[in-house]
């Protein structure tokens, strides 16, 4: 069987007895980073064979792991922190096992998105998980544009090197939205920033570089029915807004047309008067 085993996202005390028992009893462990996985096993006093499985692992690695499980061995899949297969390369191995008819058993445990949501104080009856935003500027701008119209609360993961830029871009599009930024969840220096996206962006921009280290989870309220940021903009201003976020002029026109519920030809005609 393939066991999906959550690992602590910061505090080692969050490893569950069941997760520890599974790691002790499995035949081998598939780890996103064998150095991180090896340290975890050492701290738990467990000795197991570690197999490297990460985003760039070739298909033969997946096939090898699947074949071993099909042959009677049990594998524990772990990621660097949190629940495997959630915004994580482990999803490829789980999919391969499911396709091959190999049994899969998921253990409950630490997950940064759920931890951040529960502490946000925002309405969480319905939410969506965005993960990390795209790195490519045009794709990133398009994704942010989509999020401006998302009516559910949404959650974004942000790496420390990207925190200032991401907050500035999101604040530019949704400055007045309520949000909560969680830093270093469950760790010694855990911290929450609460307020509007504009408030949080300004607070983080003011931090010295040494205080930016750590992992971040951002929770943002969905779009209220009355919140159409472009409503007070002229069509050229609306298009220029998206261009400033990184879209080409053509894509900016298409996005403005979607926002306004009109054909893109109408937008082109308006900006070319």
C-alpha atoms as a PDB file:
ATOM      1  CA  UNK A   1       0.000   0.000   0.000  1.00  0.00           C
ATOM      2  CA  UNK A   2       0.999   3.632  -0.529  1.00  0.00           C
ATOM      3  CA  UNK A   3       0.561   5.600   2.680  1.00  0.00           C
ATOM      4  CA  UNK A   4       0.270   9.397   2.418  1.00  0.00           C
ATOM      5  CA  UNK A   5       1.915  10.608   5.627  1.00  0.00           C
ATOM      6  CA  UNK A   6       1.656  14.281   6.703  1.00  0.00           C
ATOM      7  CA  UNK A   7       4.724  15.717   8.412  1.00  0.00           C
ATOM      8  CA  UNK A   8       4.976  18.731  10.756  1.00  0.00           C
ATOM      9  CA  UNK A   9       4.949  22.169   9.116  1.00  0.00           C
ATOM     10  CA  UNK A  10       7.163  23.547  11.864  1.00  0.00           C
ATOM     11  CA  UNK A  11       6.517  22.115  15.308  1.00  0.00           C
ATOM     12  CA  UNK A  12       7.829  18.547  15.627  1.00  0.00           C
ATOM     13  CA  UNK A  13       5.241  17.816  18.313  1.00  0.00           C
ATOM     14  CA  UNK A  14       2.606  17.819  15.573  1.00  0.00           C
ATOM     15  CA  UNK A  15       3.666  14.420  14.235  1.00  0.00           C
ATOM     16  CA  UNK A  16       0.795  12.059  15.019  1.00  0.00           C
ATOM     17  CA  UNK A  17       1.202   8.638  16.683  1.00  0.00           C
ATOM     18  CA  UNK A  18      -0.326   7.048  13.584  1.00  0.00           C
ATOM     19  CA  UNK A  19       2.132   8.815  11.282  1.00  0.00           C
ATOM     20  CA  UNK A  20       5.050   7.669  13.428  1.00  0.00           C
ATOM     21  CA  UNK A  21       3.740   4.096  13.494  1.00  0.00           C
ATOM     22  CA  UNK A  22       3.291   4.087   9.709  1.00  0.00           C
ATOM     23  CA  UNK A  23       6.849   5.316   9.155  1.00  0.00           C
ATOM     24  CA  UNK A  24       8.136   2.641  11.525  1.00  0.00           C
ATOM     25  CA  UNK A  25       6.246  -0.197   9.809  1.00  0.00           C
ATOM     26  CA  UNK A  26       6.564   0.674   6.119  1.00  0.00           C
ATOM     27  CA  UNK A  27       9.229  -0.944   3.929  1.00  0.00           C
ATOM     28  CA  UNK A  28      10.573   2.290   2.454  1.00  0.00           C
ATOM     29  CA  UNK A  29       9.906   6.034   2.360  1.00  0.00           C
ATOM     30  CA  UNK A  30       9.479   8.213  -0.737  1.00  0.00           C
ATOM     31  CA  UNK A  31      10.622  11.732   0.176  1.00  0.00           C
ATOM     32  CA  UNK A  32      10.507  15.025  -1.730  1.00  0.00           C
ATOM     33  CA  UNK A  33      13.974  15.806  -0.346  1.00  0.00           C
ATOM     34  CA  UNK A  34      15.867  12.891   1.207  1.00  0.00           C
ATOM     35  CA  UNK A  35      17.929  15.292   3.336  1.00  0.00           C
ATOM     36  CA  UNK A  36      14.806  16.749   4.934  1.00  0.00           C
ATOM     37  CA  UNK A  37      13.166  13.331   5.135  1.00  0.00           C
ATOM     38  CA  UNK A  38      16.314  11.818   6.624  1.00  0.00           C
ATOM     39  CA  UNK A  39      16.436  14.481   9.332  1.00  0.00           C
ATOM     40  CA  UNK A  40      12.792  13.798  10.244  1.00  0.00           C
ATOM     41  CA  UNK A  41      13.388  10.045  10.513  1.00  0.00           C
ATOM     42  CA  UNK A  42      16.521  10.630  12.595  1.00  0.00           C
ATOM     43  CA  UNK A  43      14.589  12.852  15.024  1.00  0.00           C
ATOM     44  CA  UNK A  44      11.944  10.132  15.297  1.00  0.00           C
ATOM     45  CA  UNK A  45      14.586   7.440  15.808  1.00  0.00           C
ATOM     46  CA  UNK A  46      13.494   5.547  12.688  1.00  0.00           C
ATOM     47  CA  UNK A  47      15.796   3.887  10.158  1.00  0.00           C
ATOM     48  CA  UNK A  48      14.286   3.312   6.709  1.00  0.00           C
ATOM     49  CA  UNK A  49      15.386   3.280   3.107  1.00  0.00           C
ATOM     50  CA  UNK A  50      14.710   6.687   1.559  1.00  0.00           C
ATOM     51  CA  UNK A  51      13.834   7.010  -2.116  1.00  0.00           C
ATOM     52  CA  UNK A  52      14.040  10.458  -3.705  1.00  0.00           C
ATOM     53  CA  UNK A  53      10.807  11.555  -5.362  1.00  0.00           C
ATOM     54  CA  UNK A  54      10.449  15.187  -6.408  1.00  0.00           C
ATOM     55  CA  UNK A  55       9.040  17.440  -9.107  1.00  0.00           C
ATOM     56  CA  UNK A  56      11.730  16.557 -11.652  1.00  0.00           C
ATOM     57  CA  UNK A  57      11.854  12.799 -11.022  1.00  0.00           C
ATOM     58  CA  UNK A  58      11.601  10.849 -14.307  1.00  0.00           C
ATOM     59  CA  UNK A  59       8.690   8.520 -14.980  1.00  0.00           C
ATOM     60  CA  UNK A  60      10.870   5.474 -14.293  1.00  0.00           C
ATOM     61  CA  UNK A  61      11.105   6.507 -10.617  1.00  0.00           C
ATOM     62  CA  UNK A  62       7.301   6.536 -10.337  1.00  0.00           C
ATOM     63  CA  UNK A  63       7.109   3.176 -12.110  1.00  0.00           C
ATOM     64  CA  UNK A  64       9.772   1.701  -9.809  1.00  0.00           C
ATOM     65  CA  UNK A  65       7.962   2.787  -6.649  1.00  0.00           C
ATOM     66  CA  UNK A  66       4.601   1.601  -7.990  1.00  0.00           C
ATOM     67  CA  UNK A  67       6.089  -1.755  -8.967  1.00  0.00           C
ATOM     68  CA  UNK A  68       7.574  -2.281  -5.506  1.00  0.00           C
ATOM     69  CA  UNK A  69       4.214  -1.608  -3.866  1.00  0.00           C
ATOM     70  CA  UNK A  70       2.418  -3.862  -6.346  1.00  0.00           C
ATOM     71  CA  UNK A  71       5.005  -6.506  -5.479  1.00  0.00           C
ATOM     72  CA  UNK A  72       4.003  -6.509  -1.821  1.00  0.00           C
ATOM     73  CA  UNK A  73       5.956  -3.675  -0.171  1.00  0.00           C
ATOM     74  CA  UNK A  74       4.473  -0.673   1.620  1.00  0.00           C
ATOM     75  CA  UNK A  75       5.684   2.861   0.946  1.00  0.00           C
ATOM     76  CA  UNK A  76       5.201   6.003   3.032  1.00  0.00           C
ATOM     77  CA  UNK A  77       5.057   9.158   0.926  1.00  0.00           C
ATOM     78  CA  UNK A  78       6.231  12.293   2.741  1.00  0.00           C
ATOM     79  CA  UNK A  79       6.859  15.864   1.678  1.00  0.00           C
ATOM     80  CA  UNK A  80       9.179  18.474   3.185  1.00  0.00           C
ATOM     81  CA  UNK A  81       6.375  19.827   5.377  1.00  0.00           C
ATOM     82  CA  UNK A  82       2.645  19.258   5.641  1.00  0.00           C
ATOM     83  CA  UNK A  83       0.382  16.922   3.694  1.00  0.00           C
ATOM     84  CA  UNK A  84       1.822  15.324   0.533  1.00  0.00           C
ATOM     85  CA  UNK A  85       0.114  15.829  -2.835  1.00  0.00           C
ATOM     86  CA  UNK A  86      -1.337  19.256  -1.874  1.00  0.00           C
ATOM     87  CA  UNK A  87       0.486  21.723  -4.153  1.00  0.00           C
ATOM     88  CA  UNK A  88       3.193  19.066  -4.109  1.00  0.00           C
ATOM     89  CA  UNK A  89       4.805  16.628  -6.606  1.00  0.00           C
ATOM     90  CA  UNK A  90       3.447  13.685  -4.615  1.00  0.00           C
ATOM     91  CA  UNK A  91       0.191  14.019  -6.556  1.00  0.00           C
ATOM     92  CA  UNK A  92       1.893  12.336  -9.540  1.00  0.00           C
ATOM     93  CA  UNK A  93       2.771   9.250  -7.501  1.00  0.00           C
ATOM     94  CA  UNK A  94      -0.708   9.048  -5.966  1.00  0.00           C
ATOM     95  CA  UNK A  95      -2.262   9.320  -9.439  1.00  0.00           C
ATOM     96  CA  UNK A  96       0.021   6.602 -10.799  1.00  0.00           C
ATOM     97  CA  UNK A  97      -0.865   4.245  -7.939  1.00  0.00           C
ATOM     98  CA  UNK A  98      -4.584   4.916  -8.353  1.00  0.00           C
ATOM     99  CA  UNK A  99      -4.310   4.255 -12.096  1.00  0.00           C
ATOM    100  CA  UNK A 100      -2.398   1.006 -11.509  1.00  0.00           C
ATOM    101  CA  UNK A 101      -4.899  -0.235  -8.927  1.00  0.00           C
ATOM    102  CA  UNK A 102      -2.385   0.056  -6.093  1.00  0.00           C
ATOM    103  CA  UNK A 103      -4.137   0.736  -2.744  1.00  0.00           C
ATOM    104  CA  UNK A 104      -3.678   4.247  -1.334  1.00  0.00           C
ATOM    105  CA  UNK A 105      -4.263   5.231   2.299  1.00  0.00           C
ATOM    106  CA  UNK A 106      -4.227   8.910   3.326  1.00  0.00           C
ATOM    107  CA  UNK A 107      -3.466   9.824   6.937  1.00  0.00           C
ATOM    108  CA  UNK A 108      -4.844  13.090   8.366  1.00  0.00           C
ATOM    109  CA  UNK A 109      -2.384  15.589   9.757  1.00  0.00           C
ATOM    110  CA  UNK A 110      -0.666  18.953   9.437  1.00  0.00           C
ATOM    111  CA  UNK A 111      -1.678  21.125   6.486  1.00  0.00           C
ATOM    112  CA  UNK A 112      -0.740  24.806   6.204  1.00  0.00           C
ATOM    113  CA  UNK A 113      -3.803  25.850   4.207  1.00  0.00           C
ATOM    114  CA  UNK A 114      -6.245  24.456   6.797  1.00  0.00           C
ATOM    115  CA  UNK A 115      -4.200  25.820   9.701  1.00  0.00           C
ATOM    116  CA  UNK A 116      -4.188  29.314   8.185  1.00  0.00           C
ATOM    117  CA  UNK A 117      -7.906  29.215   7.396  1.00  0.00           C
ATOM    118  CA  UNK A 118      -8.875  28.160  10.913  1.00  0.00           C
ATOM    119  CA  UNK A 119      -6.950  31.084  12.413  1.00  0.00           C
ATOM    120  CA  UNK A 120      -8.030  33.684   9.862  1.00  0.00           C
ATOM    121  CA  UNK A 121     -11.271  34.757  11.484  1.00  0.00           C
ATOM    122  CA  UNK A 122     -12.722  35.123   7.986  1.00  0.00           C
ATOM    123  CA  UNK A 123     -15.867  33.235   6.864  1.00  0.00           C
ATOM    124  CA  UNK A 124     -14.639  29.800   5.769  1.00  0.00           C
ATOM    125  CA  UNK A 125     -17.796  27.909   4.821  1.00  0.00           C
ATOM    126  CA  UNK A 126     -16.604  27.960   1.216  1.00  0.00           C
ATOM    127  CA  UNK A 127     -13.009  28.463   0.105  1.00  0.00           C
ATOM    128  CA  UNK A 128     -10.608  27.724  -2.723  1.00  0.00           C
ATOM    129  CA  UNK A 129      -6.912  26.914  -2.583  1.00  0.00           C
ATOM    130  CA  UNK A 130      -4.714  28.702  -5.110  1.00  0.00           C
ATOM    131  CA  UNK A 131      -1.273  27.444  -4.030  1.00  0.00           C
ATOM    132  CA  UNK A 132       1.679  29.393  -5.454  1.00  0.00           C
ATOM    133  CA  UNK A 133       0.990  32.005  -8.123  1.00  0.00           C
ATOM    134  CA  UNK A 134       2.624  31.459 -11.547  1.00  0.00           C
ATOM    135  CA  UNK A 135       6.098  32.921 -12.040  1.00  0.00           C
ATOM    136  CA  UNK A 136       5.546  34.034 -15.642  1.00  0.00           C
ATOM    137  CA  UNK A 137       4.346  37.653 -15.600  1.00  0.00           C
ATOM    138  CA  UNK A 138       1.467  37.273 -18.084  1.00  0.00           C
ATOM    139  CA  UNK A 139       0.145  34.096 -16.437  1.00  0.00           C
ATOM    140  CA  UNK A 140       0.511  35.659 -13.012  1.00  0.00           C
ATOM    141  CA  UNK A 141      -1.425  38.778 -14.016  1.00  0.00           C
ATOM    142  CA  UNK A 142      -4.198  36.689 -15.529  1.00  0.00           C
ATOM    143  CA  UNK A 143      -4.442  34.560 -12.381  1.00  0.00           C
ATOM    144  CA  UNK A 144      -4.644  37.628 -10.145  1.00  0.00           C
ATOM    145  CA  UNK A 145      -7.356  38.991 -12.411  1.00  0.00           C
ATOM    146  CA  UNK A 146      -9.305  35.754 -11.949  1.00  0.00           C
ATOM    147  CA  UNK A 147      -8.906  35.983  -8.187  1.00  0.00           C
ATOM    148  CA  UNK A 148     -10.384  39.498  -8.125  1.00  0.00           C
ATOM    149  CA  UNK A 149     -13.667  37.908  -9.246  1.00  0.00           C
ATOM    150  CA  UNK A 150     -13.489  34.872  -6.929  1.00  0.00           C
ATOM    151  CA  UNK A 151     -16.449  35.027  -4.539  1.00  0.00           C
ATOM    152  CA  UNK A 152     -15.094  32.421  -2.131  1.00  0.00           C
ATOM    153  CA  UNK A 153     -12.326  33.070   0.370  1.00  0.00           C
ATOM    154  CA  UNK A 154      -9.042  32.019  -1.247  1.00  0.00           C
ATOM    155  CA  UNK A 155      -5.655  30.926   0.062  1.00  0.00           C
ATOM    156  CA  UNK A 156      -2.255  31.587  -1.531  1.00  0.00           C
ATOM    157  CA  UNK A 157       1.156  30.187  -0.591  1.00  0.00           C
ATOM    158  CA  UNK A 158       4.006  32.704  -0.872  1.00  0.00           C
ATOM    159  CA  UNK A 159       7.759  32.064  -0.744  1.00  0.00           C
ATOM    160  CA  UNK A 160       9.897  34.587   1.212  1.00  0.00           C
ATOM    161  CA  UNK A 161      11.733  35.876  -1.872  1.00  0.00           C
ATOM    162  CA  UNK A 162       8.385  36.685  -3.507  1.00  0.00           C
ATOM    163  CA  UNK A 163       6.452  38.134  -0.576  1.00  0.00           C
ATOM    164  CA  UNK A 164       6.811  41.871  -1.309  1.00  0.00           C
ATOM    165  CA  UNK A 165       6.018  41.587  -5.017  1.00  0.00           C
ATOM    166  CA  UNK A 166       3.046  39.266  -4.508  1.00  0.00           C
ATOM    167  CA  UNK A 167       1.463  41.440  -1.827  1.00  0.00           C
ATOM    168  CA  UNK A 168       1.998  44.588  -3.899  1.00  0.00           C
ATOM    169  CA  UNK A 169       0.360  42.991  -6.949  1.00  0.00           C
ATOM    170  CA  UNK A 170      -2.597  41.629  -4.985  1.00  0.00           C
ATOM    171  CA  UNK A 171      -3.051  44.939  -3.157  1.00  0.00           C
ATOM    172  CA  UNK A 172      -3.022  46.784  -6.472  1.00  0.00           C
ATOM    173  CA  UNK A 173      -5.971  44.684  -7.636  1.00  0.00           C
ATOM    174  CA  UNK A 174      -7.848  44.219  -4.326  1.00  0.00           C
ATOM    175  CA  UNK A 175      -6.557  46.832  -1.905  1.00  0.00           C
ATOM    176  CA  UNK A 176      -9.626  47.017   0.350  1.00  0.00           C
ATOM    177  CA  UNK A 177     -10.177  43.253   0.725  1.00  0.00           C
ATOM    178  CA  UNK A 178      -9.835  41.864   4.233  1.00  0.00           C
ATOM    179  CA  UNK A 179      -6.958  39.415   4.536  1.00  0.00           C
ATOM    180  CA  UNK A 180      -4.736  37.548   6.992  1.00  0.00           C
ATOM    181  CA  UNK A 181      -1.074  36.794   6.314  1.00  0.00           C
ATOM    182  CA  UNK A 182       0.338  33.954   8.415  1.00  0.00           C
ATOM    183  CA  UNK A 183       4.109  33.698   8.721  1.00  0.00           C
ATOM    184  CA  UNK A 184       6.030  30.645   9.989  1.00  0.00           C
ATOM    185  CA  UNK A 185       2.960  28.681  11.065  1.00  0.00           C
ATOM    186  CA  UNK A 186       3.460  26.508  14.189  1.00  0.00           C
ATOM    187  CA  UNK A 187       7.089  27.674  14.515  1.00  0.00           C
ATOM    188  CA  UNK A 188       8.739  29.700  17.269  1.00  0.00           C
ATOM    189  CA  UNK A 189       8.344  33.014  15.426  1.00  0.00           C
ATOM    190  CA  UNK A 190       4.780  32.449  14.179  1.00  0.00           C
ATOM    191  CA  UNK A 191       3.126  35.761  13.350  1.00  0.00           C
ATOM    192  CA  UNK A 192      -0.135  37.037  11.855  1.00  0.00           C
ATOM    193  CA  UNK A 193      -0.731  40.251   9.912  1.00  0.00           C
ATOM    194  CA  UNK A 194      -4.410  41.235   9.810  1.00  0.00           C
ATOM    195  CA  UNK A 195      -6.245  44.012   7.965  1.00  0.00           C
ATOM    196  CA  UNK A 196      -6.860  44.885   4.332  1.00  0.00           C
ATOM    197  CA  UNK A 197      -4.501  43.740   1.591  1.00  0.00           C
ATOM    198  CA  UNK A 198      -3.314  47.334   1.380  1.00  0.00           C
ATOM    199  CA  UNK A 199      -2.561  47.452   5.118  1.00  0.00           C
ATOM    200  CA  UNK A 200      -0.724  44.144   5.070  1.00  0.00           C
ATOM    201  CA  UNK A 201       1.301  45.022   1.970  1.00  0.00           C
ATOM    202  CA  UNK A 202       2.446  48.281   3.559  1.00  0.00           C
ATOM    203  CA  UNK A 203       3.352  46.533   6.822  1.00  0.00           C
ATOM    204  CA  UNK A 204       5.451  43.897   5.074  1.00  0.00           C
ATOM    205  CA  UNK A 205       7.123  46.404   2.734  1.00  0.00           C
ATOM    206  CA  UNK A 206       8.323  48.239   5.836  1.00  0.00           C
ATOM    207  CA  UNK A 207      10.037  45.154   7.290  1.00  0.00           C
ATOM    208  CA  UNK A 208      13.855  44.869   7.099  1.00  0.00           C
ATOM    209  CA  UNK A 209      15.175  42.025   4.893  1.00  0.00           C
ATOM    210  CA  UNK A 210      16.159  39.825   7.848  1.00  0.00           C
ATOM    211  CA  UNK A 211      12.537  39.769   9.044  1.00  0.00           C
ATOM    212  CA  UNK A 212      11.198  38.529   5.700  1.00  0.00           C
ATOM    213  CA  UNK A 213      12.620  35.025   6.086  1.00  0.00           C
ATOM    214  CA  UNK A 214      10.095  32.236   6.464  1.00  0.00           C
ATOM    215  CA  UNK A 215       7.112  30.726   4.663  1.00  0.00           C
ATOM    216  CA  UNK A 216       3.835  32.590   4.232  1.00  0.00           C
ATOM    217  CA  UNK A 217       0.171  31.661   3.805  1.00  0.00           C
ATOM    218  CA  UNK A 218      -2.212  34.416   2.710  1.00  0.00           C
ATOM    219  CA  UNK A 219      -5.969  34.162   3.225  1.00  0.00           C
ATOM    220  CA  UNK A 220      -8.137  36.716   1.366  1.00  0.00           C
ATOM    221  CA  UNK A 221     -11.890  37.275   1.519  1.00  0.00           C
ATOM    222  CA  UNK A 222     -13.848  36.706  -1.672  1.00  0.00           C
ATOM    223  CA  UNK A 223     -15.354  39.403  -3.836  1.00  0.00           C
ATOM    224  CA  UNK A 224     -18.449  41.001  -2.299  1.00  0.00           C
ATOM    225  CA  UNK A 225     -21.329  41.355  -4.739  1.00  0.00           C
ATOM    226  CA  UNK A 226     -20.765  45.122  -4.870  1.00  0.00           C
ATOM    227  CA  UNK A 227     -16.965  44.960  -5.233  1.00  0.00           C
ATOM    228  CA  UNK A 228     -16.164  45.643  -8.862  1.00  0.00           C
ATOM    229  CA  UNK A 229     -12.850  47.478  -8.705  1.00  0.00           C
ATOM    230  CA  UNK A 230     -13.150  48.725 -12.274  1.00  0.00           C
ATOM    231  CA  UNK A 231     -16.565  50.334 -11.816  1.00  0.00           C
ATOM    232  CA  UNK A 232     -15.162  53.846 -11.365  1.00  0.00           C
ATOM    233  CA  UNK A 233     -12.599  53.396 -14.152  1.00  0.00           C
ATOM    234  CA  UNK A 234     -12.944  54.477 -17.768  1.00  0.00           C
ATOM    235  CA  UNK A 235     -12.356  51.737 -20.326  1.00  0.00           C
ATOM    236  CA  UNK A 236      -8.805  52.980 -21.108  1.00  0.00           C
ATOM    237  CA  UNK A 237      -8.029  53.086 -17.359  1.00  0.00           C
ATOM    238  CA  UNK A 238      -9.407  49.576 -16.973  1.00  0.00           C
ATOM    239  CA  UNK A 239      -7.178  48.276 -19.770  1.00  0.00           C
ATOM    240  CA  UNK A 240      -4.164  50.187 -18.448  1.00  0.00           C
ATOM    241  CA  UNK A 241      -4.710  48.576 -15.017  1.00  0.00           C
ATOM    242  CA  UNK A 242      -4.183  45.116 -16.480  1.00  0.00           C
ATOM    243  CA  UNK A 243      -1.221  46.237 -18.570  1.00  0.00           C
ATOM    244  CA  UNK A 244       0.405  47.502 -15.352  1.00  0.00           C
ATOM    245  CA  UNK A 245      -0.014  43.993 -13.911  1.00  0.00           C
ATOM    246  CA  UNK A 246       1.941  42.482 -16.805  1.00  0.00           C
ATOM    247  CA  UNK A 247      -0.661  41.591 -19.446  1.00  0.00           C
ATOM    248  CA  UNK A 248      -0.138  42.478 -23.103  1.00  0.00           C
ATOM    249  CA  UNK A 249      -2.444  45.131 -24.539  1.00  0.00           C
ATOM    250  CA  UNK A 250      -4.489  42.468 -26.336  1.00  0.00           C
ATOM    251  CA  UNK A 251      -4.872  40.282 -23.216  1.00  0.00           C
ATOM    252  CA  UNK A 252      -5.670  43.362 -21.114  1.00  0.00           C
ATOM    253  CA  UNK A 253      -8.490  44.241 -23.522  1.00  0.00           C
ATOM    254  CA  UNK A 254      -9.837  40.693 -23.368  1.00  0.00           C
ATOM    255  CA  UNK A 255      -9.769  40.718 -19.582  1.00  0.00           C
ATOM    256  CA  UNK A 256     -11.500  44.101 -19.383  1.00  0.00           C
ATOM    257  CA  UNK A 257     -14.163  42.779 -21.764  1.00  0.00           C
ATOM    258  CA  UNK A 258     -14.741  39.763 -19.502  1.00  0.00           C
ATOM    259  CA  UNK A 259     -15.029  42.021 -16.459  1.00  0.00           C
ATOM    260  CA  UNK A 260     -17.606  44.240 -18.143  1.00  0.00           C
ATOM    261  CA  UNK A 261     -19.512  41.459 -19.869  1.00  0.00           C
ATOM    262  CA  UNK A 262     -19.028  42.930 -23.345  1.00  0.00           C
ATOM    263  CA  UNK A 263     -17.303  41.854 -26.524  1.00  0.00           C
ATOM    264  CA  UNK A 264     -13.598  42.631 -26.884  1.00  0.00           C
ATOM    265  CA  UNK A 265     -14.392  44.592 -30.054  1.00  0.00           C
ATOM    266  CA  UNK A 266     -16.275  47.100 -27.948  1.00  0.00           C
ATOM    267  CA  UNK A 267     -13.209  47.570 -25.734  1.00  0.00           C
ATOM    268  CA  UNK A 268     -10.889  47.958 -28.746  1.00  0.00           C
ATOM    269  CA  UNK A 269     -13.229  50.559 -30.229  1.00  0.00           C
ATOM    270  CA  UNK A 270     -13.346  52.518 -26.971  1.00  0.00           C
ATOM    271  CA  UNK A 271      -9.565  52.721 -26.468  1.00  0.00           C
ATOM    272  CA  UNK A 272      -8.900  53.598 -30.124  1.00  0.00           C
ATOM    273  CA  UNK A 273     -11.262  56.557 -30.300  1.00  0.00           C
END
